[in-house]
């Protein structure tokens, strides 16, 4: 495993297609995951780790990632759509920084793979994830 998920030793992650690298760490005081992509900082609720894993286990099969920016609609039946759905455990967006709440389907599945919770495809496009 690369990194321990602390601010001083963040997880070193790569998007599913392998096209971008980023870091992520837990901010336990704020209950957030802090995702650093270049100079851009995104934040997601830390509960996303357990909630996404539980949803994928219940789903029981491969699910498309469907990553999309906040201002774009997420395709139905994707991790991205679930990460902003009123039907998820937090009743909406896991992303917390207004204007940067999207890309849940891009940034969370590689973290779950790093933690050994999911299998993740690494194709050039249209990647999917499933719980282990």
N, C-alpha and C. Protein backbone atom coordinates (compact mmCIF):
# COMPACT_ATOMS: atom_id res chain seq x y z
N UNK A 1 0.85 -1.17 0.00
CA UNK A 1 0.00 0.00 0.00
C UNK A 1 0.90 1.24 0.00
N UNK A 2 0.51 2.23 -0.76
CA UNK A 2 1.29 3.46 -0.83
C UNK A 2 0.66 4.52 0.06
N UNK A 3 1.34 4.90 1.08
CA UNK A 3 0.83 5.90 2.01
C UNK A 3 -0.07 5.29 3.06
N UNK A 4 -0.21 6.02 4.15
CA UNK A 4 -1.04 5.55 5.26
C UNK A 4 -2.34 6.33 5.38
N UNK A 5 -2.55 7.32 4.50
CA UNK A 5 -3.78 8.07 4.50
C UNK A 5 -3.82 9.23 5.47
N UNK A 6 -2.64 9.62 5.97
CA UNK A 6 -2.55 10.79 6.85
C UNK A 6 -2.10 11.99 6.02
N UNK A 7 -2.27 13.22 6.55
CA UNK A 7 -1.80 14.39 5.80
C UNK A 7 -0.31 14.34 5.47
N UNK A 8 0.49 13.76 6.38
CA UNK A 8 1.93 13.68 6.14
C UNK A 8 2.34 12.51 5.26
N UNK A 9 1.45 11.53 5.11
CA UNK A 9 1.73 10.34 4.32
C UNK A 9 0.46 9.91 3.57
N UNK A 10 0.01 10.75 2.60
CA UNK A 10 -1.25 10.47 1.91
C UNK A 10 -1.15 9.24 1.00
N UNK A 11 -2.32 8.68 0.69
CA UNK A 11 -2.36 7.61 -0.30
C UNK A 11 -1.99 8.20 -1.65
N UNK A 12 -1.14 7.52 -2.38
CA UNK A 12 -0.74 7.91 -3.74
C UNK A 12 -1.60 7.09 -4.70
N UNK A 13 -2.49 7.75 -5.42
CA UNK A 13 -3.47 7.03 -6.24
C UNK A 13 -3.37 7.42 -7.71
N UNK A 14 -3.91 6.56 -8.55
CA UNK A 14 -3.98 6.78 -9.99
C UNK A 14 -5.40 6.50 -10.44
N UNK A 15 -5.93 7.33 -11.32
CA UNK A 15 -7.27 7.09 -11.84
C UNK A 15 -7.32 5.73 -12.54
N UNK A 16 -8.52 5.19 -12.66
CA UNK A 16 -8.68 3.85 -13.24
C UNK A 16 -8.00 3.69 -14.60
N UNK A 17 -8.12 4.67 -15.53
CA UNK A 17 -7.43 4.48 -16.81
C UNK A 17 -5.92 4.71 -16.73
N UNK A 18 -5.43 5.18 -15.57
CA UNK A 18 -4.01 5.42 -15.41
C UNK A 18 -3.55 6.75 -15.99
N UNK A 19 -4.49 7.64 -16.28
CA UNK A 19 -4.15 8.90 -16.95
C UNK A 19 -3.77 10.04 -16.00
N UNK A 20 -4.11 9.93 -14.72
CA UNK A 20 -3.79 10.99 -13.76
C UNK A 20 -3.45 10.40 -12.40
N UNK A 21 -2.56 11.09 -11.71
CA UNK A 21 -2.22 10.71 -10.34
C UNK A 21 -2.76 11.78 -9.40
N UNK A 22 -3.02 11.38 -8.19
CA UNK A 22 -3.51 12.31 -7.17
C UNK A 22 -3.25 11.70 -5.81
N UNK A 23 -3.40 12.50 -4.76
CA UNK A 23 -3.24 11.99 -3.40
C UNK A 23 -4.56 12.16 -2.66
N UNK A 24 -4.71 11.37 -1.62
CA UNK A 24 -5.89 11.47 -0.77
C UNK A 24 -5.47 11.14 0.65
N UNK A 25 -6.06 11.85 1.59
CA UNK A 25 -5.84 11.54 3.00
C UNK A 25 -7.10 11.82 3.79
N UNK A 26 -7.16 11.25 4.99
CA UNK A 26 -8.28 11.46 5.89
C UNK A 26 -8.03 12.69 6.75
N UNK A 27 -9.08 13.46 6.94
CA UNK A 27 -9.09 14.53 7.94
C UNK A 27 -10.15 14.10 8.94
N UNK A 28 -9.71 13.35 9.95
CA UNK A 28 -10.66 12.76 10.90
C UNK A 28 -11.41 13.81 11.71
N UNK A 29 -10.76 14.94 12.00
CA UNK A 29 -11.43 15.99 12.76
C UNK A 29 -12.63 16.55 12.00
N UNK A 30 -12.49 16.69 10.69
CA UNK A 30 -13.57 17.24 9.85
C UNK A 30 -14.47 16.15 9.27
N UNK A 31 -14.07 14.87 9.40
CA UNK A 31 -14.86 13.78 8.83
C UNK A 31 -14.80 13.76 7.31
N UNK A 32 -13.64 14.16 6.76
CA UNK A 32 -13.50 14.29 5.31
C UNK A 32 -12.35 13.47 4.76
N UNK A 33 -12.45 13.19 3.48
CA UNK A 33 -11.33 12.72 2.67
C UNK A 33 -10.90 13.92 1.85
N UNK A 34 -9.61 14.22 1.88
CA UNK A 34 -9.08 15.36 1.13
C UNK A 34 -8.33 14.81 -0.07
N UNK A 35 -8.78 15.20 -1.24
CA UNK A 35 -8.23 14.72 -2.51
C UNK A 35 -7.49 15.88 -3.17
N UNK A 36 -6.20 15.69 -3.43
CA UNK A 36 -5.40 16.73 -4.05
C UNK A 36 -5.04 16.29 -5.47
N UNK A 37 -5.57 17.03 -6.45
CA UNK A 37 -5.31 16.74 -7.86
C UNK A 37 -4.58 17.96 -8.42
N UNK A 38 -3.26 17.85 -8.55
CA UNK A 38 -2.48 19.03 -8.94
C UNK A 38 -2.64 20.10 -7.87
N UNK A 39 -3.09 21.29 -8.28
CA UNK A 39 -3.31 22.37 -7.32
C UNK A 39 -4.76 22.43 -6.83
N UNK A 40 -5.60 21.53 -7.32
CA UNK A 40 -7.02 21.54 -6.95
C UNK A 40 -7.27 20.60 -5.77
N UNK A 41 -7.96 21.12 -4.77
CA UNK A 41 -8.32 20.32 -3.60
C UNK A 41 -9.81 20.03 -3.63
N UNK A 42 -10.16 18.76 -3.55
CA UNK A 42 -11.55 18.33 -3.47
C UNK A 42 -11.73 17.66 -2.12
N UNK A 43 -12.92 17.70 -1.58
CA UNK A 43 -13.20 17.00 -0.33
C UNK A 43 -14.47 16.17 -0.48
N UNK A 44 -14.43 15.00 0.13
CA UNK A 44 -15.56 14.09 0.14
C UNK A 44 -15.79 13.64 1.58
N UNK A 45 -17.02 13.34 1.92
CA UNK A 45 -17.31 12.81 3.25
C UNK A 45 -16.56 11.49 3.43
N UNK A 46 -15.89 11.34 4.58
CA UNK A 46 -15.11 10.12 4.83
C UNK A 46 -15.99 8.88 4.88
N UNK A 47 -17.26 9.04 5.22
CA UNK A 47 -18.18 7.90 5.26
C UNK A 47 -18.35 7.27 3.89
N UNK A 48 -17.89 7.96 2.83
CA UNK A 48 -18.00 7.43 1.47
C UNK A 48 -17.30 6.09 1.33
N UNK A 49 -16.22 5.87 2.06
CA UNK A 49 -15.48 4.60 1.95
C UNK A 49 -16.39 3.44 2.32
N UNK A 50 -16.94 3.47 3.51
CA UNK A 50 -17.80 2.37 3.97
C UNK A 50 -19.11 2.33 3.22
N UNK A 51 -19.69 3.49 2.94
CA UNK A 51 -20.99 3.53 2.26
C UNK A 51 -20.89 2.99 0.83
N UNK A 52 -19.85 3.40 0.09
CA UNK A 52 -19.68 2.92 -1.28
C UNK A 52 -19.41 1.43 -1.29
N UNK A 53 -18.56 0.97 -0.39
CA UNK A 53 -18.26 -0.46 -0.33
C UNK A 53 -19.53 -1.26 -0.03
N UNK A 54 -20.33 -0.80 0.93
CA UNK A 54 -21.57 -1.50 1.27
C UNK A 54 -22.53 -1.53 0.08
N UNK A 55 -22.65 -0.41 -0.63
CA UNK A 55 -23.55 -0.36 -1.79
C UNK A 55 -23.07 -1.33 -2.87
N UNK A 56 -21.76 -1.36 -3.12
CA UNK A 56 -21.23 -2.27 -4.15
C UNK A 56 -21.42 -3.73 -3.75
N UNK A 57 -21.26 -4.04 -2.46
CA UNK A 57 -21.51 -5.41 -2.00
C UNK A 57 -22.96 -5.79 -2.22
N UNK A 58 -23.86 -4.89 -1.91
CA UNK A 58 -25.28 -5.16 -2.11
C UNK A 58 -25.61 -5.27 -3.60
N UNK A 59 -24.99 -4.44 -4.42
CA UNK A 59 -25.20 -4.47 -5.87
C UNK A 59 -24.77 -5.83 -6.43
N UNK A 60 -23.63 -6.34 -5.95
CA UNK A 60 -23.21 -7.70 -6.26
C UNK A 60 -22.61 -7.95 -7.63
N UNK A 61 -22.49 -6.94 -8.46
CA UNK A 61 -21.94 -7.15 -9.80
C UNK A 61 -21.14 -5.91 -10.18
N UNK A 62 -20.55 -5.94 -11.35
CA UNK A 62 -19.80 -4.79 -11.83
C UNK A 62 -20.72 -3.58 -11.99
N UNK A 63 -20.19 -2.40 -11.66
CA UNK A 63 -20.92 -1.15 -11.82
C UNK A 63 -20.01 -0.16 -12.54
N UNK A 64 -20.52 0.51 -13.57
CA UNK A 64 -19.71 1.52 -14.27
C UNK A 64 -19.37 2.69 -13.34
N UNK A 65 -18.20 3.29 -13.55
CA UNK A 65 -17.78 4.43 -12.73
C UNK A 65 -18.58 5.68 -13.09
N UNK A 66 -18.61 6.03 -14.37
CA UNK A 66 -19.41 7.17 -14.82
C UNK A 66 -18.97 8.52 -14.30
N UNK A 67 -17.70 8.76 -14.10
CA UNK A 67 -17.21 10.03 -13.54
C UNK A 67 -17.69 11.22 -14.38
N UNK A 68 -18.14 12.26 -13.67
CA UNK A 68 -18.62 13.47 -14.34
C UNK A 68 -18.42 14.67 -13.43
N UNK A 69 -18.15 15.81 -14.02
CA UNK A 69 -18.06 17.06 -13.26
C UNK A 69 -19.40 17.37 -12.62
N UNK A 70 -19.37 18.19 -11.60
CA UNK A 70 -20.59 18.54 -10.86
C UNK A 70 -21.68 19.10 -11.76
N UNK A 71 -21.33 19.92 -12.72
CA UNK A 71 -22.33 20.59 -13.56
C UNK A 71 -22.91 19.69 -14.65
N UNK A 72 -22.33 18.50 -14.83
CA UNK A 72 -22.84 17.55 -15.83
C UNK A 72 -23.67 16.48 -15.15
N UNK A 73 -24.69 16.02 -15.84
CA UNK A 73 -25.51 14.94 -15.31
C UNK A 73 -24.70 13.64 -15.28
N UNK A 74 -24.93 12.85 -14.25
CA UNK A 74 -24.28 11.55 -14.14
C UNK A 74 -25.17 10.51 -14.80
N UNK A 75 -24.57 9.58 -15.51
CA UNK A 75 -25.33 8.50 -16.15
C UNK A 75 -25.97 7.61 -15.08
N UNK A 76 -27.21 7.23 -15.33
CA UNK A 76 -27.93 6.33 -14.42
C UNK A 76 -27.16 5.04 -14.19
N UNK A 77 -27.24 4.52 -12.97
CA UNK A 77 -26.65 3.22 -12.67
C UNK A 77 -25.15 3.23 -12.50
N UNK A 78 -24.55 4.41 -12.31
CA UNK A 78 -23.09 4.50 -12.17
C UNK A 78 -22.73 4.87 -10.73
N UNK A 79 -21.48 4.67 -10.37
CA UNK A 79 -20.96 5.09 -9.07
C UNK A 79 -21.15 6.59 -8.92
N UNK A 80 -20.89 7.34 -9.98
CA UNK A 80 -21.04 8.80 -9.93
C UNK A 80 -22.48 9.19 -9.59
N UNK A 81 -23.45 8.56 -10.23
CA UNK A 81 -24.86 8.88 -9.96
C UNK A 81 -25.22 8.55 -8.52
N UNK A 82 -24.74 7.44 -8.01
CA UNK A 82 -25.00 7.06 -6.63
C UNK A 82 -24.38 8.07 -5.66
N UNK A 83 -23.19 8.56 -5.97
CA UNK A 83 -22.47 9.49 -5.10
C UNK A 83 -23.11 10.86 -4.97
N UNK A 84 -24.16 11.12 -5.75
CA UNK A 84 -24.88 12.39 -5.66
C UNK A 84 -26.39 12.19 -5.51
N UNK A 85 -26.81 10.96 -5.36
CA UNK A 85 -28.23 10.62 -5.31
C UNK A 85 -28.87 10.94 -3.96
N UNK A 86 -30.12 11.34 -3.99
CA UNK A 86 -30.88 11.54 -2.76
C UNK A 86 -31.13 10.21 -2.05
N UNK A 87 -30.92 9.09 -2.75
CA UNK A 87 -31.17 7.77 -2.18
C UNK A 87 -29.95 7.16 -1.50
N UNK A 88 -28.79 7.81 -1.53
CA UNK A 88 -27.62 7.27 -0.85
C UNK A 88 -27.71 7.58 0.65
N UNK A 89 -26.85 6.99 1.48
CA UNK A 89 -26.97 7.17 2.93
C UNK A 89 -26.87 8.61 3.44
N UNK A 90 -26.25 9.51 2.69
CA UNK A 90 -26.16 10.90 3.16
C UNK A 90 -27.21 11.78 2.49
N UNK A 91 -28.01 11.21 1.60
CA UNK A 91 -29.10 11.96 0.97
C UNK A 91 -28.66 13.01 -0.01
N UNK A 92 -27.57 12.76 -0.71
CA UNK A 92 -27.08 13.71 -1.71
C UNK A 92 -25.59 13.59 -1.93
N UNK A 93 -24.97 14.70 -2.17
CA UNK A 93 -23.56 14.75 -2.55
C UNK A 93 -22.61 14.30 -1.44
N UNK A 94 -21.69 13.40 -1.80
CA UNK A 94 -20.56 13.09 -0.91
C UNK A 94 -19.48 14.17 -1.07
N UNK A 95 -19.37 14.74 -2.28
CA UNK A 95 -18.44 15.85 -2.50
C UNK A 95 -18.90 17.06 -1.71
N UNK A 96 -17.96 17.76 -1.07
CA UNK A 96 -18.32 18.84 -0.17
C UNK A 96 -17.93 20.24 -0.65
N UNK A 97 -17.03 20.34 -1.59
CA UNK A 97 -16.59 21.66 -2.04
C UNK A 97 -17.45 22.09 -3.23
N UNK A 98 -18.27 23.11 -3.01
CA UNK A 98 -19.18 23.58 -4.05
C UNK A 98 -18.41 23.91 -5.33
N UNK A 99 -18.92 23.42 -6.46
CA UNK A 99 -18.25 23.59 -7.73
C UNK A 99 -17.29 22.45 -8.06
N UNK A 100 -16.93 21.66 -7.03
CA UNK A 100 -15.99 20.54 -7.18
C UNK A 100 -16.55 19.28 -6.53
N UNK A 101 -17.87 19.14 -6.51
CA UNK A 101 -18.48 17.99 -5.84
C UNK A 101 -18.53 16.75 -6.71
N UNK A 102 -18.32 16.89 -8.00
CA UNK A 102 -18.35 15.75 -8.91
C UNK A 102 -17.06 14.96 -8.87
N UNK A 103 -16.92 14.08 -9.84
CA UNK A 103 -15.75 13.21 -9.99
C UNK A 103 -15.62 12.16 -8.89
N UNK A 104 -16.73 11.94 -8.16
CA UNK A 104 -16.76 10.90 -7.14
C UNK A 104 -16.40 9.54 -7.75
N UNK A 105 -16.95 9.26 -8.93
CA UNK A 105 -16.70 7.99 -9.61
C UNK A 105 -15.28 7.85 -10.13
N UNK A 106 -14.56 8.94 -10.18
CA UNK A 106 -13.16 8.90 -10.62
C UNK A 106 -12.22 8.71 -9.44
N UNK A 107 -12.50 9.39 -8.33
CA UNK A 107 -11.53 9.44 -7.24
C UNK A 107 -11.74 8.40 -6.13
N UNK A 108 -12.98 8.00 -5.87
CA UNK A 108 -13.20 7.05 -4.77
C UNK A 108 -12.89 5.59 -5.10
N UNK A 109 -13.27 5.07 -6.27
CA UNK A 109 -12.95 3.65 -6.54
C UNK A 109 -11.46 3.30 -6.45
N UNK A 110 -10.53 4.13 -6.96
CA UNK A 110 -9.12 3.76 -6.78
C UNK A 110 -8.69 3.70 -5.31
N UNK A 111 -9.30 4.54 -4.47
CA UNK A 111 -8.99 4.47 -3.04
C UNK A 111 -9.49 3.15 -2.46
N UNK A 112 -10.71 2.75 -2.81
CA UNK A 112 -11.23 1.48 -2.32
C UNK A 112 -10.39 0.31 -2.82
N UNK A 113 -9.87 0.42 -4.03
CA UNK A 113 -8.98 -0.62 -4.54
C UNK A 113 -7.70 -0.65 -3.70
N UNK A 114 -7.14 0.50 -3.42
CA UNK A 114 -5.93 0.59 -2.60
C UNK A 114 -6.15 -0.02 -1.22
N UNK A 115 -7.34 0.12 -0.69
CA UNK A 115 -7.68 -0.42 0.63
C UNK A 115 -8.07 -1.89 0.58
N UNK A 116 -8.09 -2.48 -0.62
CA UNK A 116 -8.38 -3.90 -0.77
C UNK A 116 -9.86 -4.24 -0.67
N UNK A 117 -10.73 -3.27 -0.94
CA UNK A 117 -12.17 -3.49 -0.80
C UNK A 117 -12.88 -3.80 -2.11
N UNK A 118 -12.25 -3.47 -3.25
CA UNK A 118 -12.91 -3.65 -4.54
C UNK A 118 -11.92 -4.12 -5.60
N UNK A 119 -12.48 -4.65 -6.67
CA UNK A 119 -11.76 -4.88 -7.92
C UNK A 119 -12.12 -3.72 -8.83
N UNK A 120 -11.14 -3.20 -9.55
CA UNK A 120 -11.35 -2.06 -10.42
C UNK A 120 -10.71 -2.35 -11.77
N UNK A 121 -11.48 -2.11 -12.83
CA UNK A 121 -10.91 -2.26 -14.18
C UNK A 121 -9.99 -1.08 -14.47
N UNK A 122 -9.01 -1.32 -15.35
CA UNK A 122 -8.05 -0.28 -15.72
C UNK A 122 -7.92 -0.16 -17.23
N UNK A 123 -9.07 0.00 -17.89
CA UNK A 123 -9.11 0.19 -19.33
C UNK A 123 -8.95 1.67 -19.67
N UNK A 124 -8.77 1.98 -20.93
CA UNK A 124 -8.67 3.38 -21.36
C UNK A 124 -9.97 4.15 -21.11
N UNK A 125 -11.12 3.46 -21.18
CA UNK A 125 -12.42 4.10 -20.97
C UNK A 125 -13.40 3.09 -20.40
N UNK A 126 -14.52 3.61 -19.92
CA UNK A 126 -15.65 2.79 -19.48
C UNK A 126 -15.28 1.74 -18.43
N UNK A 127 -14.56 2.16 -17.41
CA UNK A 127 -14.16 1.24 -16.35
C UNK A 127 -15.31 0.95 -15.40
N UNK A 128 -15.18 -0.21 -14.75
CA UNK A 128 -16.20 -0.67 -13.82
C UNK A 128 -15.52 -1.09 -12.52
N UNK A 129 -16.33 -1.23 -11.47
CA UNK A 129 -15.84 -1.62 -10.16
C UNK A 129 -16.82 -2.61 -9.56
N UNK A 130 -16.31 -3.50 -8.68
CA UNK A 130 -17.18 -4.39 -7.91
C UNK A 130 -16.51 -4.69 -6.59
N UNK A 131 -17.32 -4.94 -5.59
CA UNK A 131 -16.82 -5.24 -4.25
C UNK A 131 -16.17 -6.61 -4.22
N UNK A 132 -15.19 -6.75 -3.36
CA UNK A 132 -14.54 -8.04 -3.13
C UNK A 132 -15.23 -8.69 -1.95
